[in-house]
Amino acid sequence: MDKIIISAALTGAATNRGHCEYIPYTPVEIAEEAQRAVDAGASIVHIHAREDNGMPSWRTEVFEEIQKEVRARCPEVIINYSTGAIGLSVEERIAHLPATKPEMAAFNMGSMNYAIFSKKHKKFFWNGVFENSFDTMSAVVQSMNENGICPEMECFDTGHIRNAEPLRTMGLIPDNACYSLVMGVLGGIPATPENLLHQIKQVPEGAFWQSIVIGRKQWRLNAIAASMGGNIRVGLEDNFYLSSGEMAKSNGALVDNAVQLARMIGREPTTIAETRAILNISRIS
């Protein structure tokens, strides 16, 4: 209970500088944000690749450039790459894994509608169907296993947590895999205290888990997760705003806010070495 792992999701794929001017795009910008996050207390950085114009990228060479720049600034940090995408084949979504061999990688635990909707304008700004069949999930996690990568299972709803059961039975999910309880995405479970408590109860006893809350409700729900012994993720992918309501000017500012929250309830952020020991992750990338 005394130690807490803080992850930083640096850039995401669905937002741009029209939403927040501080979102990093280029490998150098992403690496500089990684350093700010690590300096503030994060031990894991979750990364989506982007082209220099901000568009999502799945080119392996972009991931390789990001990795080079991050390692130049943060040689010990645990790198966690995304494999989530809409409209791409499984092969395209995982091509960067054997090329970069990050310590961790995230994959989504079920198919779902995935959307951004404006109540104010009464319209969808973006929506699609996120396909993650058991065949897709099996192929993604198999690639992780072949390359010694610790899986992070992103669970957007209660059924997604249960979807891990057959994969575990098949021997595809290792004991150190992380359950990420993602809340607040339209199409997934809403971000409420009651729903978070329900999700926590579904996680297998003794498994590593963290909360990922999209939007400004992040701080109150992260406080609940931290109080319940869980770990937390912050970053410009998930939420632009500090607990004060001010827009964060960096991922480091969001991590610093998370560190303050953790210490207020008597928990201390893990060092990178401690996180590696907890998750049984050796240096790969």
C-alpha atoms as a PDB file:
ATOM      1  CA  MET A   1       0.000   0.000   0.000  1.00  0.00           C
ATOM      2  CA  ASP A   2       2.908   2.351   0.646  1.00  0.00           C
ATOM      3  CA  LYS A   3       4.264   2.363  -2.909  1.00  0.00           C
ATOM      4  CA  ILE A   4       2.382   3.424  -6.036  1.00  0.00           C
ATOM      5  CA  ILE A   5       3.378   3.135  -9.693  1.00  0.00           C
ATOM      6  CA  ILE A   6       2.644   6.245 -11.746  1.00  0.00           C
ATOM      7  CA  SER A   7       2.468   5.941 -15.525  1.00  0.00           C
ATOM      8  CA  ALA A   8       2.416   8.846 -17.972  1.00  0.00           C
ATOM      9  CA  ALA A   9       0.553   8.616 -21.293  1.00  0.00           C
ATOM     10  CA  LEU A  10       2.430  11.236 -23.258  1.00  0.00           C
ATOM     11  CA  THR A  11       0.512  11.960 -26.443  1.00  0.00           C
ATOM     12  CA  GLY A  12      -2.302   9.570 -27.466  1.00  0.00           C
ATOM     13  CA  ALA A  13      -3.756   9.540 -30.962  1.00  0.00           C
ATOM     14  CA  ALA A  14      -7.244  11.086 -30.860  1.00  0.00           C
ATOM     15  CA  THR A  15      -6.417  14.673 -29.869  1.00  0.00           C
ATOM     16  CA  ASN A  16      -4.275  17.422 -31.379  1.00  0.00           C
ATOM     17  CA  ARG A  17      -2.896  20.862 -30.645  1.00  0.00           C
ATOM     18  CA  GLY A  18      -6.251  22.381 -31.450  1.00  0.00           C
ATOM     19  CA  HIS A  19      -7.391  20.731 -28.215  1.00  0.00           C
ATOM     20  CA  CYS A  20      -4.197  21.347 -26.240  1.00  0.00           C
ATOM     21  CA  GLU A  21      -1.168  23.177 -27.589  1.00  0.00           C
ATOM     22  CA  TYR A  22       1.241  21.188 -25.413  1.00  0.00           C
ATOM     23  CA  ILE A  23       0.662  17.768 -26.989  1.00  0.00           C
ATOM     24  CA  PRO A  24       3.965  16.427 -28.383  1.00  0.00           C
ATOM     25  CA  TYR A  25       4.160  15.191 -31.966  1.00  0.00           C
ATOM     26  CA  THR A  26       7.749  14.572 -33.067  1.00  0.00           C
ATOM     27  CA  PRO A  27      10.104  11.949 -31.585  1.00  0.00           C
ATOM     28  CA  VAL A  28      12.174  14.707 -29.955  1.00  0.00           C
ATOM     29  CA  GLU A  29       9.078  16.369 -28.468  1.00  0.00           C
ATOM     30  CA  ILE A  30       7.776  13.026 -27.178  1.00  0.00           C
ATOM     31  CA  ALA A  31      11.171  12.239 -25.640  1.00  0.00           C
ATOM     32  CA  GLU A  32      11.353  15.656 -23.980  1.00  0.00           C
ATOM     33  CA  GLU A  33       7.916  15.031 -22.488  1.00  0.00           C
ATOM     34  CA  ALA A  34       9.076  11.613 -21.314  1.00  0.00           C
ATOM     35  CA  GLN A  35      11.960  13.254 -19.485  1.00  0.00           C
ATOM     36  CA  ARG A  36       9.631  15.775 -17.827  1.00  0.00           C
ATOM     37  CA  ALA A  37       7.358  12.939 -16.717  1.00  0.00           C
ATOM     38  CA  VAL A  38      10.230  10.851 -15.348  1.00  0.00           C
ATOM     39  CA  ASP A  39      11.760  13.825 -13.547  1.00  0.00           C
ATOM     40  CA  ALA A  40       8.380  14.403 -11.879  1.00  0.00           C
ATOM     41  CA  GLY A  41       8.018  10.798 -10.686  1.00  0.00           C
ATOM     42  CA  ALA A  42       6.690   8.563 -13.484  1.00  0.00           C
ATOM     43  CA  SER A  43       8.389   5.203 -14.000  1.00  0.00           C
ATOM     44  CA  ILE A  44       6.421   4.083 -17.087  1.00  0.00           C
ATOM     45  CA  VAL A  45       5.792   6.130 -20.235  1.00  0.00           C
ATOM     46  CA  HIS A  46       2.969   5.010 -22.534  1.00  0.00           C
ATOM     47  CA  ILE A  47       3.527   6.156 -26.111  1.00  0.00           C
ATOM     48  CA  HIS A  48       1.582   6.389 -29.361  1.00  0.00           C
ATOM     49  CA  ALA A  49       3.627   7.305 -32.426  1.00  0.00           C
ATOM     50  CA  ARG A  50       2.758  10.346 -34.527  1.00  0.00           C
ATOM     51  CA  GLU A  51       3.951  11.843 -37.750  1.00  0.00           C
ATOM     52  CA  ASP A  52       5.524  15.276 -37.428  1.00  0.00           C
ATOM     53  CA  ASN A  53       2.200  16.875 -38.423  1.00  0.00           C
ATOM     54  CA  GLY A  54       0.446  15.169 -35.507  1.00  0.00           C
ATOM     55  CA  MET A  55      -1.331  12.414 -37.411  1.00  0.00           C
ATOM     56  CA  PRO A  56      -1.177   8.920 -35.856  1.00  0.00           C
ATOM     57  CA  SER A  57       1.704   6.858 -37.218  1.00  0.00           C
ATOM     58  CA  TRP A  58       2.309   3.117 -37.375  1.00  0.00           C
ATOM     59  CA  ARG A  59       5.574   3.286 -39.272  1.00  0.00           C
ATOM     60  CA  THR A  60       8.159   1.167 -37.503  1.00  0.00           C
ATOM     61  CA  GLU A  61      10.883   3.695 -38.226  1.00  0.00           C
ATOM     62  CA  VAL A  62       8.951   6.346 -36.272  1.00  0.00           C
ATOM     63  CA  PHE A  63       8.755   4.073 -33.217  1.00  0.00           C
ATOM     64  CA  GLU A  64      12.472   3.370 -33.572  1.00  0.00           C
ATOM     65  CA  GLU A  65      13.255   7.091 -33.677  1.00  0.00           C
ATOM     66  CA  ILE A  66      11.056   7.714 -30.633  1.00  0.00           C
ATOM     67  CA  GLN A  67      12.849   4.949 -28.775  1.00  0.00           C
ATOM     68  CA  LYS A  68      16.260   6.356 -29.628  1.00  0.00           C
ATOM     69  CA  GLU A  69      15.300   9.833 -28.413  1.00  0.00           C
ATOM     70  CA  VAL A  70      13.617   8.585 -25.226  1.00  0.00           C
ATOM     71  CA  ARG A  71      16.550   6.347 -24.337  1.00  0.00           C
ATOM     72  CA  ALA A  72      18.977   9.238 -24.875  1.00  0.00           C
ATOM     73  CA  ARG A  73      17.140  11.213 -22.173  1.00  0.00           C
ATOM     74  CA  CYS A  74      15.660   8.496 -19.952  1.00  0.00           C
ATOM     75  CA  PRO A  75      17.869   5.409 -20.255  1.00  0.00           C
ATOM     76  CA  GLU A  76      16.093   3.429 -17.493  1.00  0.00           C
ATOM     77  CA  VAL A  77      12.417   4.339 -17.926  1.00  0.00           C
ATOM     78  CA  ILE A  78       9.972   1.549 -18.809  1.00  0.00           C
ATOM     79  CA  ILE A  79       8.678   2.154 -22.341  1.00  0.00           C
ATOM     80  CA  ASN A  80       5.115   1.048 -23.092  1.00  0.00           C
ATOM     81  CA  TYR A  81       3.913   1.262 -26.711  1.00  0.00           C
ATOM     82  CA  SER A  82       0.324   1.179 -27.916  1.00  0.00           C
ATOM     83  CA  THR A  83      -1.036  -1.451 -30.307  1.00  0.00           C
ATOM     84  CA  GLY A  84      -4.556   0.001 -30.437  1.00  0.00           C
ATOM     85  CA  ALA A  85      -5.852   1.213 -33.796  1.00  0.00           C
ATOM     86  CA  ILE A  86      -8.998   1.296 -35.893  1.00  0.00           C
ATOM     87  CA  GLY A  87      -8.943   0.179 -39.523  1.00  0.00           C
ATOM     88  CA  LEU A  88      -5.525  -1.486 -39.471  1.00  0.00           C
ATOM     89  CA  SER A  89      -4.668  -5.157 -39.726  1.00  0.00           C
ATOM     90  CA  VAL A  90      -3.224  -7.000 -36.747  1.00  0.00           C
ATOM     91  CA  GLU A  91       0.099  -7.209 -38.573  1.00  0.00           C
ATOM     92  CA  GLU A  92       0.205  -3.420 -38.973  1.00  0.00           C
ATOM     93  CA  ARG A  93      -0.692  -2.860 -35.323  1.00  0.00           C
ATOM     94  CA  ILE A  94       2.160  -4.995 -33.981  1.00  0.00           C
ATOM     95  CA  ALA A  95       4.932  -4.538 -36.573  1.00  0.00           C
ATOM     96  CA  HIS A  96       6.841  -2.184 -34.265  1.00  0.00           C
ATOM     97  CA  LEU A  97       7.015  -4.676 -31.375  1.00  0.00           C
ATOM     98  CA  PRO A  98       9.707  -7.058 -32.675  1.00  0.00           C
ATOM     99  CA  ALA A  99      11.604  -4.094 -34.105  1.00  0.00           C
ATOM    100  CA  THR A 100      11.747  -2.138 -30.829  1.00  0.00           C
ATOM    101  CA  LYS A 101      11.068  -4.729 -28.098  1.00  0.00           C
ATOM    102  CA  PRO A 102       9.728  -2.287 -25.474  1.00  0.00           C
ATOM    103  CA  GLU A 103       9.428  -3.500 -21.891  1.00  0.00           C
ATOM    104  CA  MET A 104       5.625  -3.173 -22.039  1.00  0.00           C
ATOM    105  CA  ALA A 105       2.899  -2.786 -24.643  1.00  0.00           C
ATOM    106  CA  ALA A 106      -0.824  -2.130 -24.358  1.00  0.00           C
ATOM    107  CA  PHE A 107      -3.569  -4.061 -26.090  1.00  0.00           C
ATOM    108  CA  ASN A 108      -7.333  -3.724 -25.916  1.00  0.00           C
ATOM    109  CA  MET A 109      -9.429  -6.437 -24.330  1.00  0.00           C
ATOM    110  CA  GLY A 110     -12.596  -6.310 -26.422  1.00  0.00           C
ATOM    111  CA  SER A 111     -14.394  -4.871 -29.436  1.00  0.00           C
ATOM    112  CA  MET A 112     -16.427  -1.713 -28.867  1.00  0.00           C
ATOM    113  CA  ASN A 113     -17.855   1.468 -30.306  1.00  0.00           C
ATOM    114  CA  TYR A 114     -15.316   4.224 -29.713  1.00  0.00           C
ATOM    115  CA  ALA A 115     -16.386   7.846 -30.113  1.00  0.00           C
ATOM    116  CA  ILE A 116     -15.943  11.482 -29.209  1.00  0.00           C
ATOM    117  CA  PHE A 117     -19.310  13.243 -28.905  1.00  0.00           C
ATOM    118  CA  SER A 118     -20.029  16.901 -28.156  1.00  0.00           C
ATOM    119  CA  LYS A 119     -23.149  17.538 -26.090  1.00  0.00           C
ATOM    120  CA  LYS A 120     -22.762  21.230 -26.807  1.00  0.00           C
ATOM    121  CA  HIS A 121     -22.764  20.782 -30.597  1.00  0.00           C
ATOM    122  CA  LYS A 122     -24.936  17.646 -30.507  1.00  0.00           C
ATOM    123  CA  LYS A 123     -22.707  15.774 -32.912  1.00  0.00           C
ATOM    124  CA  PHE A 124     -19.919  13.227 -33.121  1.00  0.00           C
ATOM    125  CA  PHE A 125     -16.502  14.666 -33.818  1.00  0.00           C
ATOM    126  CA  TRP A 126     -15.171  11.162 -34.329  1.00  0.00           C
ATOM    127  CA  ASN A 127     -16.509   7.629 -34.079  1.00  0.00           C
ATOM    128  CA  GLY A 128     -15.650   4.122 -35.180  1.00  0.00           C
ATOM    129  CA  VAL A 129     -15.836   0.455 -34.307  1.00  0.00           C
ATOM    130  CA  PHE A 130     -12.765  -0.795 -32.456  1.00  0.00           C
ATOM    131  CA  GLU A 131     -12.316  -4.465 -33.440  1.00  0.00           C
ATOM    132  CA  ASN A 132     -10.598  -6.642 -30.878  1.00  0.00           C
ATOM    133  CA  SER A 133     -11.819 -10.220 -31.336  1.00  0.00           C
ATOM    134  CA  PHE A 134     -10.297 -13.095 -29.389  1.00  0.00           C
ATOM    135  CA  ASP A 135      -8.304 -13.969 -32.516  1.00  0.00           C
ATOM    136  CA  THR A 136      -6.944 -10.424 -32.655  1.00  0.00           C
ATOM    137  CA  MET A 137      -6.149 -10.324 -28.952  1.00  0.00           C
ATOM    138  CA  SER A 138      -4.438 -13.708 -29.122  1.00  0.00           C
ATOM    139  CA  ALA A 139      -2.246 -12.624 -32.035  1.00  0.00           C
ATOM    140  CA  VAL A 140      -1.254  -9.370 -30.337  1.00  0.00           C
ATOM    141  CA  VAL A 141      -0.358 -10.902 -26.995  1.00  0.00           C
ATOM    142  CA  GLN A 142       1.436 -13.800 -28.710  1.00  0.00           C
ATOM    143  CA  SER A 143       3.746 -11.263 -30.362  1.00  0.00           C
ATOM    144  CA  MET A 144       4.388  -9.712 -26.956  1.00  0.00           C
ATOM    145  CA  ASN A 145       5.245 -13.097 -25.476  1.00  0.00           C
ATOM    146  CA  GLU A 146       7.606 -13.907 -28.344  1.00  0.00           C
ATOM    147  CA  ASN A 147       9.447 -10.639 -27.792  1.00  0.00           C
ATOM    148  CA  GLY A 148       9.576 -10.698 -23.988  1.00  0.00           C
ATOM    149  CA  ILE A 149       7.139  -7.794 -23.601  1.00  0.00           C
ATOM    150  CA  CYS A 150       4.928  -7.397 -20.525  1.00  0.00           C
ATOM    151  CA  PRO A 151       1.269  -7.013 -21.649  1.00  0.00           C
ATOM    152  CA  GLU A 152      -0.904  -4.165 -20.419  1.00  0.00           C
ATOM    153  CA  MET A 153      -4.561  -5.158 -20.829  1.00  0.00           C
ATOM    154  CA  GLU A 154      -6.750  -2.098 -21.430  1.00  0.00           C
ATOM    155  CA  CYS A 155     -10.236  -2.926 -20.127  1.00  0.00           C
ATOM    156  CA  PHE A 156     -12.870  -0.416 -21.203  1.00  0.00           C
ATOM    157  CA  ASP A 157     -15.765  -2.296 -19.611  1.00  0.00           C
ATOM    158  CA  THR A 158     -16.510  -5.112 -17.183  1.00  0.00           C
ATOM    159  CA  GLY A 159     -16.658  -7.780 -19.897  1.00  0.00           C
ATOM    160  CA  HIS A 160     -13.172  -6.805 -21.023  1.00  0.00           C
ATOM    161  CA  ILE A 161     -11.745  -7.840 -17.646  1.00  0.00           C
ATOM    162  CA  ARG A 162     -13.344 -11.266 -17.997  1.00  0.00           C
ATOM    163  CA  ASN A 163     -11.992 -11.599 -21.552  1.00  0.00           C
ATOM    164  CA  ALA A 164      -8.581 -12.200 -20.017  1.00  0.00           C
ATOM    165  CA  GLU A 165      -9.746 -15.509 -18.533  1.00  0.00           C
ATOM    166  CA  PRO A 166      -9.604 -17.690 -21.680  1.00  0.00           C
ATOM    167  CA  LEU A 167      -6.300 -16.082 -22.702  1.00  0.00           C
ATOM    168  CA  ARG A 168      -4.884 -16.960 -19.279  1.00  0.00           C
ATOM    169  CA  THR A 169      -6.181 -20.529 -19.607  1.00  0.00           C
ATOM    170  CA  MET A 170      -4.429 -20.749 -22.988  1.00  0.00           C
ATOM    171  CA  GLY A 171      -1.184 -19.633 -21.357  1.00  0.00           C
ATOM    172  CA  LEU A 172      -1.033 -16.329 -23.268  1.00  0.00           C
ATOM    173  CA  ILE A 173      -1.318 -13.935 -20.312  1.00  0.00           C
ATOM    174  CA  PRO A 174       1.704 -13.978 -17.980  1.00  0.00           C
ATOM    175  CA  ASP A 175       1.383 -13.444 -14.229  1.00  0.00           C
ATOM    176  CA  ASN A 176       2.871  -9.931 -14.381  1.00  0.00           C
ATOM    177  CA  ALA A 177       0.372  -8.615 -16.955  1.00  0.00           C
ATOM    178  CA  CYS A 178      -1.298  -5.351 -15.963  1.00  0.00           C
ATOM    179  CA  TYR A 179      -5.058  -4.767 -15.828  1.00  0.00           C
ATOM    180  CA  SER A 180      -5.790  -1.175 -16.857  1.00  0.00           C
ATOM    181  CA  LEU A 181      -9.270  -0.043 -15.849  1.00  0.00           C
ATOM    182  CA  VAL A 182     -10.121   2.524 -18.534  1.00  0.00           C
ATOM    183  CA  MET A 183     -13.104   4.728 -17.762  1.00  0.00           C
ATOM    184  CA  GLY A 184     -14.820   7.668 -19.418  1.00  0.00           C
ATOM    185  CA  VAL A 185     -14.577   6.693 -23.106  1.00  0.00           C
ATOM    186  CA  LEU A 186     -17.908   6.857 -24.931  1.00  0.00           C
ATOM    187  CA  GLY A 187     -18.696   3.234 -25.746  1.00  0.00           C
ATOM    188  CA  GLY A 188     -17.055   2.044 -22.537  1.00  0.00           C
ATOM    189  CA  ILE A 189     -17.931   2.201 -18.855  1.00  0.00           C
ATOM    190  CA  PRO A 190     -18.687   5.728 -17.529  1.00  0.00           C
ATOM    191  CA  ALA A 191     -16.261   7.333 -15.092  1.00  0.00           C
ATOM    192  CA  THR A 192     -18.044   7.207 -11.737  1.00  0.00           C
ATOM    193  CA  PRO A 193     -16.847   6.193  -8.267  1.00  0.00           C
ATOM    194  CA  GLU A 194     -19.402   3.359  -8.169  1.00  0.00           C
ATOM    195  CA  ASN A 195     -18.224   1.966 -11.497  1.00  0.00           C
ATOM    196  CA  LEU A 196     -14.569   2.166 -10.473  1.00  0.00           C
ATOM    197  CA  LEU A 197     -15.234   0.218  -7.284  1.00  0.00           C
ATOM    198  CA  HIS A 198     -17.142  -2.378  -9.328  1.00  0.00           C
ATOM    199  CA  GLN A 199     -14.261  -2.713 -11.798  1.00  0.00           C
ATOM    200  CA  ILE A 200     -11.695  -3.091  -9.038  1.00  0.00           C
ATOM    201  CA  LYS A 201     -13.682  -6.001  -7.590  1.00  0.00           C
ATOM    202  CA  GLN A 202     -13.480  -7.841 -10.943  1.00  0.00           C
ATOM    203  CA  VAL A 203      -9.662  -7.870 -11.062  1.00  0.00           C
ATOM    204  CA  PRO A 204      -8.188 -11.244  -9.998  1.00  0.00           C
ATOM    205  CA  GLU A 205      -6.784 -11.201  -6.479  1.00  0.00           C
ATOM    206  CA  GLY A 206      -3.122 -10.290  -6.406  1.00  0.00           C
ATOM    207  CA  ALA A 207      -3.009  -8.987  -9.992  1.00  0.00           C
ATOM    208  CA  PHE A 208      -1.398  -5.660 -10.814  1.00  0.00           C
ATOM    209  CA  TRP A 209      -3.921  -2.982 -11.816  1.00  0.00           C
ATOM    210  CA  GLN A 210      -4.096   0.721 -12.542  1.00  0.00           C
ATOM    211  CA  SER A 211      -6.834   3.258 -13.198  1.00  0.00           C
ATOM    212  CA  ILE A 212      -6.975   5.193 -16.467  1.00  0.00           C
ATOM    213  CA  VAL A 213      -9.638   7.891 -16.364  1.00  0.00           C
ATOM    214  CA  ILE A 214     -10.369  10.043 -19.394  1.00  0.00           C
ATOM    215  CA  GLY A 215     -11.267  13.670 -18.719  1.00  0.00           C
ATOM    216  CA  ARG A 216     -11.452  15.955 -15.717  1.00  0.00           C
ATOM    217  CA  LYS A 217     -12.950  13.328 -13.398  1.00  0.00           C
ATOM    218  CA  GLN A 218      -9.521  11.727 -13.427  1.00  0.00           C
ATOM    219  CA  TRP A 219      -8.329  13.251 -10.175  1.00  0.00           C
ATOM    220  CA  ARG A 220     -11.201  12.220  -7.937  1.00  0.00           C
ATOM    221  CA  LEU A 221     -11.217   8.674  -9.344  1.00  0.00           C
ATOM    222  CA  ASN A 222      -7.438   8.363  -9.190  1.00  0.00           C
ATOM    223  CA  ALA A 223      -7.705   9.319  -5.511  1.00  0.00           C
ATOM    224  CA  ILE A 224     -10.108   6.401  -5.022  1.00  0.00           C
ATOM    225  CA  ALA A 225      -7.854   4.014  -6.960  1.00  0.00           C
ATOM    226  CA  ALA A 226      -4.803   5.065  -4.963  1.00  0.00           C
ATOM    227  CA  SER A 227      -6.735   4.690  -1.707  1.00  0.00           C
ATOM    228  CA  MET A 228      -7.752   1.166  -2.752  1.00  0.00           C
ATOM    229  CA  GLY A 229      -4.131   0.119  -3.269  1.00  0.00           C
ATOM    230  CA  GLY A 230      -4.078   0.541  -7.030  1.00  0.00           C
ATOM    231  CA  ASN A 231      -1.755   2.388  -9.364  1.00  0.00           C
ATOM    232  CA  ILE A 232      -2.588   5.376 -11.547  1.00  0.00           C
ATOM    233  CA  ARG A 233      -1.961   6.812 -14.997  1.00  0.00           C
ATOM    234  CA  VAL A 234      -2.007  10.462 -15.983  1.00  0.00           C
ATOM    235  CA  GLY A 235      -0.808  12.379 -19.032  1.00  0.00           C
ATOM    236  CA  LEU A 236      -1.927  14.500 -21.947  1.00  0.00           C
ATOM    237  CA  GLU A 237      -3.434  11.483 -23.705  1.00  0.00           C
ATOM    238  CA  ASP A 238      -6.044  11.172 -20.966  1.00  0.00           C
ATOM    239  CA  ASN A 239      -6.680  14.623 -19.524  1.00  0.00           C
ATOM    240  CA  PHE A 240      -5.350  18.119 -20.159  1.00  0.00           C
ATOM    241  CA  TYR A 241      -6.200  19.652 -16.792  1.00  0.00           C
ATOM    242  CA  LEU A 242      -4.615  19.774 -13.361  1.00  0.00           C
ATOM    243  CA  SER A 243      -6.771  19.203 -10.305  1.00  0.00           C
ATOM    244  CA  SER A 244      -6.976  22.995  -9.925  1.00  0.00           C
ATOM    245  CA  GLY A 245      -8.749  23.232 -13.301  1.00  0.00           C
ATOM    246  CA  GLU A 246      -5.753  24.892 -14.974  1.00  0.00           C
ATOM    247  CA  MET A 247      -4.563  23.403 -18.272  1.00  0.00           C
ATOM    248  CA  ALA A 248      -1.330  21.494 -17.788  1.00  0.00           C
ATOM    249  CA  LYS A 249       1.607  22.771 -19.806  1.00  0.00           C
ATOM    250  CA  SER A 250       3.407  19.411 -19.823  1.00  0.00           C
ATOM    251  CA  ASN A 251       3.094  15.777 -18.882  1.00  0.00           C
ATOM    252  CA  GLY A 252       5.499  16.543 -16.078  1.00  0.00           C
ATOM    253  CA  ALA A 253       2.997  18.924 -14.495  1.00  0.00           C
ATOM    254  CA  LEU A 254       0.331  16.184 -14.542  1.00  0.00           C
ATOM    255  CA  VAL A 255       2.708  13.639 -13.015  1.00  0.00           C
ATOM    256  CA  ASP A 256       3.699  16.142 -10.331  1.00  0.00           C
ATOM    257  CA  ASN A 257       0.004  16.591  -9.518  1.00  0.00           C
ATOM    258  CA  ALA A 258      -0.353  12.790  -9.260  1.00  0.00           C
ATOM    259  CA  VAL A 259       2.649  12.576  -6.932  1.00  0.00           C
ATOM    260  CA  GLN A 260       1.106  15.208  -4.664  1.00  0.00           C
ATOM    261  CA  LEU A 261      -2.182  13.274  -4.623  1.00  0.00           C
ATOM    262  CA  ALA A 262      -0.425  10.015  -3.745  1.00  0.00           C
ATOM    263  CA  ARG A 263       1.575  11.575  -0.919  1.00  0.00           C
ATOM    264  CA  MET A 264      -1.543  13.161   0.558  1.00  0.00           C
ATOM    265  CA  ILE A 265      -2.870   9.666   1.248  1.00  0.00           C
ATOM    266  CA  GLY A 266       0.420   8.253   2.453  1.00  0.00           C
ATOM    267  CA  ARG A 267       1.762   6.600  -0.677  1.00  0.00           C
ATOM    268  CA  GLU A 268       5.134   7.190  -2.283  1.00  0.00           C
ATOM    269  CA  PRO A 269       5.810   6.843  -6.041  1.00  0.00           C
ATOM    270  CA  THR A 270       8.012   3.927  -6.970  1.00  0.00           C
ATOM    271  CA  THR A 271      11.399   4.474  -8.504  1.00  0.00           C
ATOM    272  CA  ILE A 272      11.965   2.953 -11.923  1.00  0.00           C
ATOM    273  CA  ALA A 273      14.013   0.166 -10.325  1.00  0.00           C
ATOM    274  CA  GLU A 274      11.209  -0.569  -7.859  1.00  0.00           C
ATOM    275  CA  THR A 275       8.652  -0.681 -10.671  1.00  0.00           C
ATOM    276  CA  ARG A 276      10.825  -3.136 -12.600  1.00  0.00           C
ATOM    277  CA  ALA A 277      11.021  -5.347  -9.511  1.00  0.00           C
ATOM    278  CA  ILE A 278       7.258  -5.195  -8.842  1.00  0.00           C
ATOM    279  CA  LEU A 279       6.394  -6.066 -12.446  1.00  0.00           C
ATOM    280  CA  ASN A 280       9.298  -8.478 -12.904  1.00  0.00           C
ATOM    281  CA  ILE A 281      10.487  -6.515 -15.940  1.00  0.00           C
ATOM    282  CA  SER A 282      14.109  -6.589 -16.966  1.00  0.00           C
ATOM    283  CA  ARG A 283      15.656  -4.067 -19.325  1.00  0.00           C
ATOM    284  CA  ILE A 284      14.732  -4.959 -22.924  1.00  0.00           C
ATOM    285  CA  SER A 285      14.706  -1.940 -25.197  1.00  0.00           C
END
